[in-house]
Amino acid sequence: MNIKITGSHILALAITAGIAVWMLQGETIVGGQTPENPKPAIAERAETQEAEPFKVSVVTALAVERDQSVNLRGRTKADAIIPIRAETGGILEKRLVSRGDFVEAGDLVCVIASGARQSNLASAKASLETAKAEFDANQSLSEKGFTTDIRMRQLTATLDAAKAQVRQAEIELERVQVKANASGVVQDPIAAVGDVMQAGGTCITLNDSDPMFFTGQVPERAISFVVPGMPAEVTLITGEKLAGKVSYVAPSADAQTRTFATEIELDKADAKMRDGLTATARIILPPTQSFKISPSWISLADNGAVGVKLVDENNKVAFKKLEILSQTNDGFWVNGLAEGDRIITLGQEYVVAGEIVDPIPAEIAKAEVN
């Protein structure tokens, strides 16, 4: 049988011969290795990668001075509301002040009709003159031996009683003039002319606003920081700002609100400032050394404690519980850190306490990313 060799047969033979030559010149690879370039197996490479410490970004904690304050809501309060009372009874003849008037201590504010008080004084004075004349006459006789000692003692007692009656009548007459025993602004209740006043009845009422106070409530969580003498700033509902200082802190809490009544004495308050104005106060506390952290650095422990993860001197991860003091627009003020602590700021969710890590300063990590 004759076989005819065509061009396609020749091309196939040429390709086969080329492959054979290439295979004879190559190297045999066993187990993914070559004699000149040995490489670890895939499993070995994975183990090597796991053995390398995980890279985390860290920052060093630095303490800064933090201004602190306790904010309160409350109202203004006059030093005292003082009723000016009559010391004797009678019809109110004059009232010399009106609502809103400012009164100084010692000013005459009301006059009660004297009635029979003037005649009572005249009668007492007459009795005194009689007693004095009889005493003088008997004293001359006593010097001559015509009056006994007992008689002179009786006359002396009569004379002293007459003097006392005169003084009592004078005091009763003086009491018809009611004078203020304090300074302040006149407010209700006040008596009207023609009213029948009783002894102890109120003629006018004074609002003593010197000094003026702010009164508010300090919550129990902040009461340990507030003590008398601390400076404060009070802002009235009108926008006016006044300086002051804490003058009183209640020793016990309100049973309903669990807050402590606190008073702030205002400096240079207007004597006519109104009692009961809505106001806010800021009690300025001494500055403290605290730490400010970003909310993204916060971690939670298994027991729910709030804190951050740190890297110690051996590059081992540790959890530190923190006390959050306050929150601002750009972070938290906290206590619980120490100066120089290295806080994990990136990667903390991928590491656990006790793990060895590779800490990279945050500024270097940021530069590498950029």
Foldseek 3Di string as FASTA:
>chain_A
DDDDDDPVNVVVVVVVVVVVVVVVPDDDDDPNQDPVGGDDDPVVVVVVVVVAFAEFAWAFWDWDWDWDWFKWWFWKAAPDKAFQFFQAWAFWADAPDDAFDKAAFFAFGTAGDQPCLVVQLVVLVVQLVVLVVVLVVVVVVVVVVNDDPVVNVVSVVSNVVSVVSNVVSVVSSVRRGGTHRHIAGWDDDADDGGDTHHRGRGHTIGRFVVPMKTKGWGAPVCVVQDDWPFKKWKAFPVRDIWIWTWHDWAPAADPPRNTIMTMTTTPPDDRSDDGTTIMMMIGTGGIDIWTWDAPQQWDADPVGAIFGWWQDPQQFIDTWGWAFDDADPGTTTIDGDDGGTITGRGDRVVDDGGGHHHYDHNVVVVVVVD
